[in-house]
C-alpha atoms as a PDB file:
ATOM      1  CA  MET A   1     138.698 111.530 115.860  1.00  0.00           C
ATOM      2  CA  GLU A   2     137.180 114.887 116.705  1.00  0.00           C
ATOM      3  CA  TRP A   3     138.528 118.299 115.684  1.00  0.00           C
ATOM      4  CA  ASP A   4     138.071 121.347 117.900  1.00  0.00           C
ATOM      5  CA  LEU A   5     138.269 124.298 115.516  1.00  0.00           C
ATOM      6  CA  SER A   6     137.014 126.935 117.967  1.00  0.00           C
ATOM      7  CA  ASP A   7     140.384 128.743 117.880  1.00  0.00           C
ATOM      8  CA  LYS A   8     141.394 129.110 114.250  1.00  0.00           C
ATOM      9  CA  ASN A   9     145.107 129.445 115.113  1.00  0.00           C
ATOM     10  CA  PHE A  10     145.201 126.504 117.503  1.00  0.00           C
ATOM     11  CA  PRO A  11     143.014 123.666 116.205  1.00  0.00           C
ATOM     12  CA  ASP A  12     143.262 120.402 118.049  1.00  0.00           C
ATOM     13  CA  VAL A  13     142.151 116.848 117.549  1.00  0.00           C
ATOM     14  CA  GLU A  14     141.630 113.931 119.913  1.00  0.00           C
ATOM     15  CA  ILE A  15     143.041 110.676 118.582  1.00  0.00           C
ATOM     16  CA  LYS A  16     142.015 107.561 120.449  1.00  0.00           C
ATOM     17  CA  GLU A  17     142.159 105.044 117.594  1.00  0.00           C
ATOM     18  CA  ASN A  18     143.251 104.795 113.960  1.00  0.00           C
ATOM     19  CA  HIS A  19     146.384 106.762 114.858  1.00  0.00           C
ATOM     20  CA  VAL A  20     148.003 106.492 111.440  1.00  0.00           C
ATOM     21  CA  TYR A  21     144.942 107.788 109.595  1.00  0.00           C
ATOM     22  CA  ALA A  22     144.304 110.519 112.177  1.00  0.00           C
ATOM     23  CA  LEU A  23     147.930 111.695 112.086  1.00  0.00           C
ATOM     24  CA  SER A  24     147.711 111.868 108.304  1.00  0.00           C
ATOM     25  CA  LYS A  25     144.792 114.300 108.754  1.00  0.00           C
ATOM     26  CA  TRP A  26     146.840 116.205 111.369  1.00  0.00           C
ATOM     27  CA  ILE A  27     149.683 116.619 108.857  1.00  0.00           C
ATOM     28  CA  GLU A  28     147.217 117.697 106.178  1.00  0.00           C
ATOM     29  CA  LYS A  29     145.720 120.318 108.542  1.00  0.00           C
ATOM     30  CA  ILE A  30     149.189 121.775 109.194  1.00  0.00           C
ATOM     31  CA  LEU A  31     149.978 121.922 105.472  1.00  0.00           C
ATOM     32  CA  GLU A  32     146.561 123.380 104.687  1.00  0.00           C
ATOM     33  CA  MET A  33     147.020 126.122 107.297  1.00  0.00           C
ATOM     34  CA  SER A  34     150.520 126.895 106.032  1.00  0.00           C
ATOM     35  CA  LYS A  35     148.967 128.388 102.892  1.00  0.00           C
ATOM     36  CA  ASN A  36     147.228 131.105 104.943  1.00  0.00           C
ATOM     37  CA  TYR A  37     150.324 132.378 106.712  1.00  0.00           C
ATOM     38  CA  GLU A  38     153.133 134.468 105.384  1.00  0.00           C
ATOM     39  CA  GLY A  39     156.662 133.894 106.475  1.00  0.00           C
ATOM     40  CA  GLU A  40     159.493 131.585 105.691  1.00  0.00           C
ATOM     41  CA  TRP A  41     159.681 128.104 107.118  1.00  0.00           C
ATOM     42  CA  ASP A  42     161.746 125.031 106.336  1.00  0.00           C
ATOM     43  CA  VAL A  43     160.908 122.624 109.140  1.00  0.00           C
ATOM     44  CA  LEU A  44     157.715 121.108 110.462  1.00  0.00           C
ATOM     45  CA  ILE A  45     158.140 120.423 114.157  1.00  0.00           C
ATOM     46  CA  ALA A  46     156.179 117.594 115.745  1.00  0.00           C
ATOM     47  CA  ASP A  47     156.892 118.175 119.428  1.00  0.00           C
ATOM     48  CA  GLU A  48     155.834 115.489 121.898  1.00  0.00           C
ATOM     49  CA  TRP A  49     154.620 116.535 125.337  1.00  0.00           C
ATOM     50  CA  PRO A  50     153.858 113.383 127.352  1.00  0.00           C
ATOM     51  CA  ASN A  51     151.231 114.150 129.971  1.00  0.00           C
ATOM     52  CA  GLU A  52     148.758 111.943 131.850  1.00  0.00           C
ATOM     53  CA  PRO A  53     146.316 110.733 130.517  1.00  0.00           C
ATOM     54  CA  TYR A  54     147.553 111.358 126.959  1.00  0.00           C
ATOM     55  CA  THR A  55     150.496 112.627 124.967  1.00  0.00           C
ATOM     56  CA  ARG A  56     150.154 115.895 123.083  1.00  0.00           C
ATOM     57  CA  LEU A  57     151.840 116.232 119.704  1.00  0.00           C
ATOM     58  CA  ILE A  58     152.223 119.927 118.925  1.00  0.00           C
ATOM     59  CA  GLY A  59     152.781 120.703 115.252  1.00  0.00           C
ATOM     60  CA  ASN A  60     154.155 123.997 114.026  1.00  0.00           C
ATOM     61  CA  LEU A  61     156.190 125.389 111.169  1.00  0.00           C
ATOM     62  CA  GLN A  62     159.367 127.386 111.682  1.00  0.00           C
ATOM     63  CA  LYS A  63     162.829 128.169 110.387  1.00  0.00           C
ATOM     64  CA  ARG A  64     165.448 125.480 110.952  1.00  0.00           C
ATOM     65  CA  VAL A  65     167.715 127.988 112.717  1.00  0.00           C
ATOM     66  CA  ASP A  66     165.044 128.979 115.263  1.00  0.00           C
ATOM     67  CA  ALA A  67     164.502 127.364 118.634  1.00  0.00           C
ATOM     68  CA  VAL A  68     161.861 124.640 118.782  1.00  0.00           C
ATOM     69  CA  GLY A  69     158.484 126.248 119.345  1.00  0.00           C
ATOM     70  CA  SER A  70     159.208 129.447 117.386  1.00  0.00           C
ATOM     71  CA  ASP A  71     156.230 128.936 115.140  1.00  0.00           C
ATOM     72  CA  ILE A  72     155.065 131.125 112.269  1.00  0.00           C
ATOM     73  CA  GLY A  73     151.692 131.856 113.843  1.00  0.00           C
ATOM     74  CA  PHE A  74     149.747 128.686 114.484  1.00  0.00           C
ATOM     75  CA  ARG A  75     149.958 125.310 116.157  1.00  0.00           C
ATOM     76  CA  VAL A  76     147.990 122.149 115.496  1.00  0.00           C
ATOM     77  CA  ILE A  77     147.707 119.839 118.478  1.00  0.00           C
ATOM     78  CA  ALA A  78     146.952 116.119 118.479  1.00  0.00           C
ATOM     79  CA  TYR A  79     145.984 114.506 121.769  1.00  0.00           C
ATOM     80  CA  LEU A  80     147.143 110.887 121.462  1.00  0.00           C
ATOM     81  CA  GLU A  81     145.647 108.129 123.569  1.00  0.00           C
ATOM     82  CA  ASN A  82     145.662 104.336 123.387  1.00  0.00           C
ATOM     83  CA  GLY A  83     147.473 102.474 120.625  1.00  0.00           C
ATOM     84  CA  GLY A  84     150.587 101.882 122.725  1.00  0.00           C
ATOM     85  CA  ILE A  85     151.100 105.446 124.013  1.00  0.00           C
ATOM     86  CA  LYS A  86     152.639 105.401 127.478  1.00  0.00           C
ATOM     87  CA  CYS A  87     151.844 108.468 129.542  1.00  0.00           C
ATOM     88  CA  ASP A  88     154.796 110.461 130.840  1.00  0.00           C
ATOM     89  CA  ALA A  89     157.222 108.542 128.609  1.00  0.00           C
ATOM     90  CA  ASP A  90     159.180 109.205 125.443  1.00  0.00           C
ATOM     91  CA  ASN A  91     156.882 107.846 122.753  1.00  0.00           C
ATOM     92  CA  ARG A  92     158.859 109.241 119.813  1.00  0.00           C
ATOM     93  CA  PRO A  93     159.811 105.856 118.297  1.00  0.00           C
ATOM     94  CA  LEU A  94     156.134 104.860 118.174  1.00  0.00           C
ATOM     95  CA  ILE A  95     155.018 108.287 116.936  1.00  0.00           C
ATOM     96  CA  LYS A  96     157.761 108.266 114.297  1.00  0.00           C
ATOM     97  CA  ARG A  97     156.469 104.943 112.969  1.00  0.00           C
ATOM     98  CA  TRP A  98     152.916 106.272 112.860  1.00  0.00           C
ATOM     99  CA  LEU A  99     153.994 109.479 111.109  1.00  0.00           C
ATOM    100  CA  GLU A 100     156.019 107.593 108.510  1.00  0.00           C
ATOM    101  CA  GLU A 101     153.022 105.363 107.790  1.00  0.00           C
ATOM    102  CA  ALA A 102     150.672 108.369 107.734  1.00  0.00           C
ATOM    103  CA  MET A 103     152.849 110.143 105.176  1.00  0.00           C
ATOM    104  CA  LYS A 104     152.454 107.190 102.794  1.00  0.00           C
ATOM    105  CA  LEU A 105     148.670 107.538 102.650  1.00  0.00           C
ATOM    106  CA  LYS A 106     147.596 108.796  99.242  1.00  0.00           C
ATOM    107  CA  ASP A 107     146.138 112.228 100.094  1.00  0.00           C
ATOM    108  CA  THR A 108     148.822 113.069 102.627  1.00  0.00           C
ATOM    109  CA  LYS A 109     151.629 111.932 100.338  1.00  0.00           C
ATOM    110  CA  SER A 110     150.241 114.089  97.545  1.00  0.00           C
ATOM    111  CA  MET A 111     150.013 117.160  99.812  1.00  0.00           C
ATOM    112  CA  LEU A 112     153.551 116.596 101.087  1.00  0.00           C
ATOM    113  CA  GLU A 113     154.953 116.261  97.578  1.00  0.00           C
ATOM    114  CA  THR A 114     153.194 119.420  96.390  1.00  0.00           C
ATOM    115  CA  THR A 115     154.269 121.434  99.429  1.00  0.00           C
ATOM    116  CA  VAL A 116     157.881 120.245  99.215  1.00  0.00           C
ATOM    117  CA  GLN A 117     158.068 121.343  95.572  1.00  0.00           C
ATOM    118  CA  GLU A 118     156.878 124.827  96.541  1.00  0.00           C
ATOM    119  CA  ASN A 119     158.678 125.029  99.874  1.00  0.00           C
ATOM    120  CA  PRO A 120     161.354 122.417 100.684  1.00  0.00           C
ATOM    121  CA  PHE A 121     161.217 121.342 104.319  1.00  0.00           C
ATOM    122  CA  GLU A 122     162.022 118.578 106.760  1.00  0.00           C
ATOM    123  CA  ILE A 123     159.994 117.088 109.593  1.00  0.00           C
ATOM    124  CA  ARG A 124     161.586 116.903 113.042  1.00  0.00           C
ATOM    125  CA  LEU A 125     160.126 114.978 115.955  1.00  0.00           C
ATOM    126  CA  THR A 126     161.207 116.510 119.277  1.00  0.00           C
ATOM    127  CA  ILE A 127     160.220 116.147 122.912  1.00  0.00           C
ATOM    128  CA  TYR A 128     159.346 118.889 125.420  1.00  0.00           C
ATOM    129  CA  ALA A 129     160.655 121.569 123.005  1.00  0.00           C
ATOM    130  CA  ASP A 130     164.145 120.575 124.139  1.00  0.00           C
ATOM    131  CA  GLU A 131     166.791 121.881 121.757  1.00  0.00           C
ATOM    132  CA  ASN A 132     169.354 119.617 123.413  1.00  0.00           C
ATOM    133  CA  SER A 133     167.399 116.394 122.988  1.00  0.00           C
ATOM    134  CA  ASP A 134     168.064 114.122 120.076  1.00  0.00           C
ATOM    135  CA  HIS A 135     165.800 115.081 117.220  1.00  0.00           C
ATOM    136  CA  ILE A 136     164.316 112.264 115.211  1.00  0.00           C
ATOM    137  CA  SER A 137     163.925 113.169 111.564  1.00  0.00           C
ATOM    138  CA  VAL A 138     160.940 111.752 109.778  1.00  0.00           C
ATOM    139  CA  SER A 139     161.605 111.348 106.088  1.00  0.00           C
ATOM    140  CA  PHE A 140     159.143 111.292 103.227  1.00  0.00           C
END
């Protein structure tokens, strides 16, 4: 797992193994960055973009009433490989399972609980920023 922090508003990480642990760190990075940005938000979007040879998971915060991708100023991208990811396919069921497991890890769970107390929100897993696709809610 390697972070590229060269663009402070668009950090990204390559995840080739330990997907649950790495996605927990991805969630933590999003929540950590949320403290530096002003603006209201009530949904964390995890938007899947399948693309050979990996699937990108683009994380951003926004208002529930806004179109997917209307972020509050930053995006955190995870490049997912291996672990059952199928390129150019809908991997949301697998990613949902990983995210739900990641959110149970001690540090991530603690950050989620603290953030939710200060700013209630939901997590939505989408694909290709498609407003018309079925959203999969990830609960914590």
